[in-house]
Protein backbone atom coordinates (compact mmCIF):
# COMPACT_ATOMS: atom_id res chain seq x y z
CA MET A 1 3.76 -50.09 -3.62
CA ARG A 2 7.41 -49.48 -4.80
CA GLY A 3 9.56 -52.78 -5.79
CA GLU A 4 12.88 -52.45 -4.05
CA SER A 5 14.68 -51.87 -7.20
CA GLU A 6 12.60 -48.52 -7.88
CA LYS A 7 14.22 -45.39 -6.57
CA PRO A 8 12.15 -42.79 -4.97
CA ALA A 9 11.46 -39.71 -7.22
CA PRO A 10 13.99 -36.74 -6.62
CA ALA A 11 12.85 -33.93 -4.18
CA PRO A 12 10.92 -31.68 -5.93
CA SER A 13 12.65 -28.15 -6.44
CA GLY A 14 12.49 -25.16 -8.87
CA PRO A 15 10.36 -22.25 -9.00
CA VAL A 16 6.98 -24.14 -9.55
CA TRP A 17 7.28 -26.15 -6.85
CA GLU A 18 8.29 -22.88 -4.67
CA ALA A 19 5.51 -21.46 -6.01
CA LEU A 20 3.25 -24.15 -5.10
CA GLN A 21 4.40 -23.87 -1.79
CA THR A 22 3.80 -20.22 -1.26
CA PHE A 23 0.77 -21.02 -2.98
CA VAL A 24 -0.77 -23.35 -0.07
CA ARG A 25 0.58 -21.31 2.80
CA ARG A 26 -1.36 -18.14 1.45
CA PHE A 27 -4.64 -20.13 0.54
CA ASN A 28 -4.23 -21.66 4.11
CA ARG A 29 -4.09 -18.10 5.37
CA GLY A 30 -7.49 -16.94 3.65
CA GLU A 31 -5.07 -15.16 0.92
CA PHE A 32 -6.85 -16.21 -1.73
CA TRP A 33 -6.35 -13.26 -4.24
CA GLU A 34 -2.51 -13.46 -3.25
CA SER A 35 -2.08 -17.18 -3.51
CA HIS A 36 -3.71 -17.05 -7.19
CA GLU A 37 -1.21 -14.25 -8.07
CA VAL A 38 1.81 -16.62 -7.00
CA LEU A 39 0.93 -19.28 -9.27
CA GLU A 40 0.02 -16.57 -12.56
CA ILE A 41 3.88 -16.52 -13.45
CA PRO A 42 4.32 -19.78 -13.68
CA TRP A 43 1.05 -20.51 -15.09
CA ARG A 44 1.81 -18.08 -17.99
CA VAL A 45 5.21 -19.66 -18.70
CA GLY A 46 4.22 -23.26 -19.06
CA HIS A 47 0.36 -23.08 -20.01
CA SER A 48 -0.16 -25.75 -17.25
CA ASP A 49 -3.88 -26.95 -17.07
CA PHE A 50 -3.11 -28.01 -13.36
CA LEU A 51 -1.66 -24.67 -12.49
CA GLN A 52 -4.69 -23.06 -14.13
CA GLY A 53 -7.19 -25.36 -12.06
CA MET A 54 -5.51 -24.20 -8.86
CA ILE A 55 -5.57 -20.51 -9.65
CA LEU A 56 -9.13 -20.72 -10.70
CA PHE A 57 -9.98 -22.75 -7.36
CA ALA A 58 -8.48 -20.07 -5.39
CA SER A 59 -10.30 -17.54 -7.44
CA ALA A 60 -13.73 -19.31 -6.26
CA PHE A 61 -12.95 -18.28 -3.04
CA VAL A 62 -11.75 -14.65 -3.73
CA HIS A 63 -15.63 -14.69 -4.98
CA VAL A 64 -16.67 -16.07 -1.70
CA GLN A 65 -14.81 -13.31 0.03
CA ARG A 66 -17.07 -10.70 -2.21
CA GLY A 67 -20.18 -12.34 -1.86
CA ASN A 68 -20.55 -13.25 -5.54
CA VAL A 69 -22.52 -16.16 -5.94
CA HIS A 70 -22.20 -16.58 -9.89
CA GLY A 71 -18.23 -15.98 -9.35
CA ILE A 72 -18.03 -18.78 -7.05
CA GLU A 73 -20.08 -21.23 -9.00
CA ALA A 74 -18.52 -20.17 -12.56
CA GLN A 75 -14.52 -20.76 -11.10
CA LEU A 76 -15.32 -23.74 -9.12
CA ALA A 77 -16.78 -25.32 -12.53
CA LYS A 78 -13.79 -24.39 -14.50
CA ALA A 79 -11.46 -25.51 -11.88
CA THR A 80 -13.08 -28.80 -11.78
CA ASP A 81 -12.75 -29.25 -15.41
CA ARG A 82 -9.36 -28.22 -15.40
CA LEU A 83 -8.06 -30.44 -12.17
CA ARG A 84 -10.20 -33.58 -12.91
CA PRO A 85 -7.40 -35.40 -15.25
CA TYR A 86 -4.82 -34.93 -12.57
CA ALA A 87 -6.73 -36.83 -9.87
CA PRO A 88 -6.02 -38.33 -7.44
CA ALA A 89 -2.82 -36.42 -7.04
CA TYR A 90 -0.24 -34.30 -8.81
CA LEU A 91 2.81 -32.12 -8.15
CA GLY A 92 2.23 -32.75 -4.16
CA VAL A 93 -1.63 -31.71 -4.18
CA ASP A 94 -4.19 -34.10 -3.14
CA VAL A 95 -6.07 -33.24 -6.30
CA ALA A 96 -9.01 -35.69 -5.11
CA ALA A 97 -9.50 -33.72 -1.97
CA VAL A 98 -9.23 -30.40 -4.02
CA LEU A 99 -12.28 -31.88 -6.10
CA ARG A 100 -14.16 -33.05 -3.16
CA ALA A 101 -13.67 -29.47 -1.52
CA ALA A 102 -15.05 -27.90 -4.83
CA ASP A 103 -18.24 -30.01 -4.73
CA GLU A 104 -19.02 -29.63 -1.05
CA ALA A 105 -18.45 -25.70 -2.11
CA ARG A 106 -21.04 -25.85 -4.75
CA GLN A 107 -23.47 -28.02 -2.50
CA SER A 108 -22.97 -25.04 0.14
CA VAL A 109 -23.93 -22.57 -2.55
CA THR A 110 -26.89 -24.48 -3.70
CA ARG A 111 -28.35 -24.42 0.37
CA GLY A 112 -27.27 -20.63 0.39
CA ASP A 113 -24.36 -21.06 2.80
CA PRO A 114 -21.10 -19.53 2.24
CA PRO A 115 -18.45 -22.03 1.16
CA VAL A 116 -15.82 -22.96 3.77
CA PRO A 117 -12.42 -23.35 2.13
CA PRO A 118 -10.46 -26.23 2.93
CA ALA A 119 -7.08 -26.50 4.54
CA LEU A 120 -4.67 -27.63 1.39
CA ASP A 121 -1.49 -29.40 1.87
CA LEU A 122 1.74 -30.20 -0.23
CA ALA A 123 3.30 -33.80 0.15
CA ARG A 124 6.80 -34.70 -1.53
CA SER A 125 5.32 -38.05 -1.40
CA ARG A 126 2.53 -37.07 -3.59
CA VAL A 127 5.05 -36.13 -6.61
CA ARG A 128 6.15 -38.69 -9.11
CA GLY A 129 8.93 -36.39 -10.45
CA ASP A 130 8.24 -36.45 -14.25
CA GLU A 131 5.68 -33.69 -14.02
CA PRO A 132 6.37 -31.22 -17.04
CA GLU A 133 6.05 -28.04 -14.54
CA LEU A 134 9.01 -29.48 -12.77
CA SER A 135 11.18 -28.84 -15.58
CA THR A 136 9.64 -25.45 -16.74
CA ALA A 137 11.41 -22.68 -15.73
CA GLY A 138 9.45 -19.57 -14.17
């Protein structure tokens, strides 16, 4: 809970925030390859483990579309490793929900069922304002 003397974090802006907004829209439309591509340039500029984790998470669902069970499992494991340190939330993403979705997807694969992609959301209220990615040009 914020104290009365604390100011709210400024509204996020910049290329990484814009890329995340586009990533979420495309991911939620089932455009997993395209969503993953949106984060490639910001990731290459800033080498963010968080952005790489989101890229890997989207990539897992590219493998779902292709029916590649090994690819699904491998990408989910790598995404989980990258994203775990950012839970519960980072850069507006509910990372805890993404990690739960990754776990549910792994369980689906184990049962022989195709994983169902979650609906992602991006909330300004989950942005601290001091994330290094927000000050990275890209």
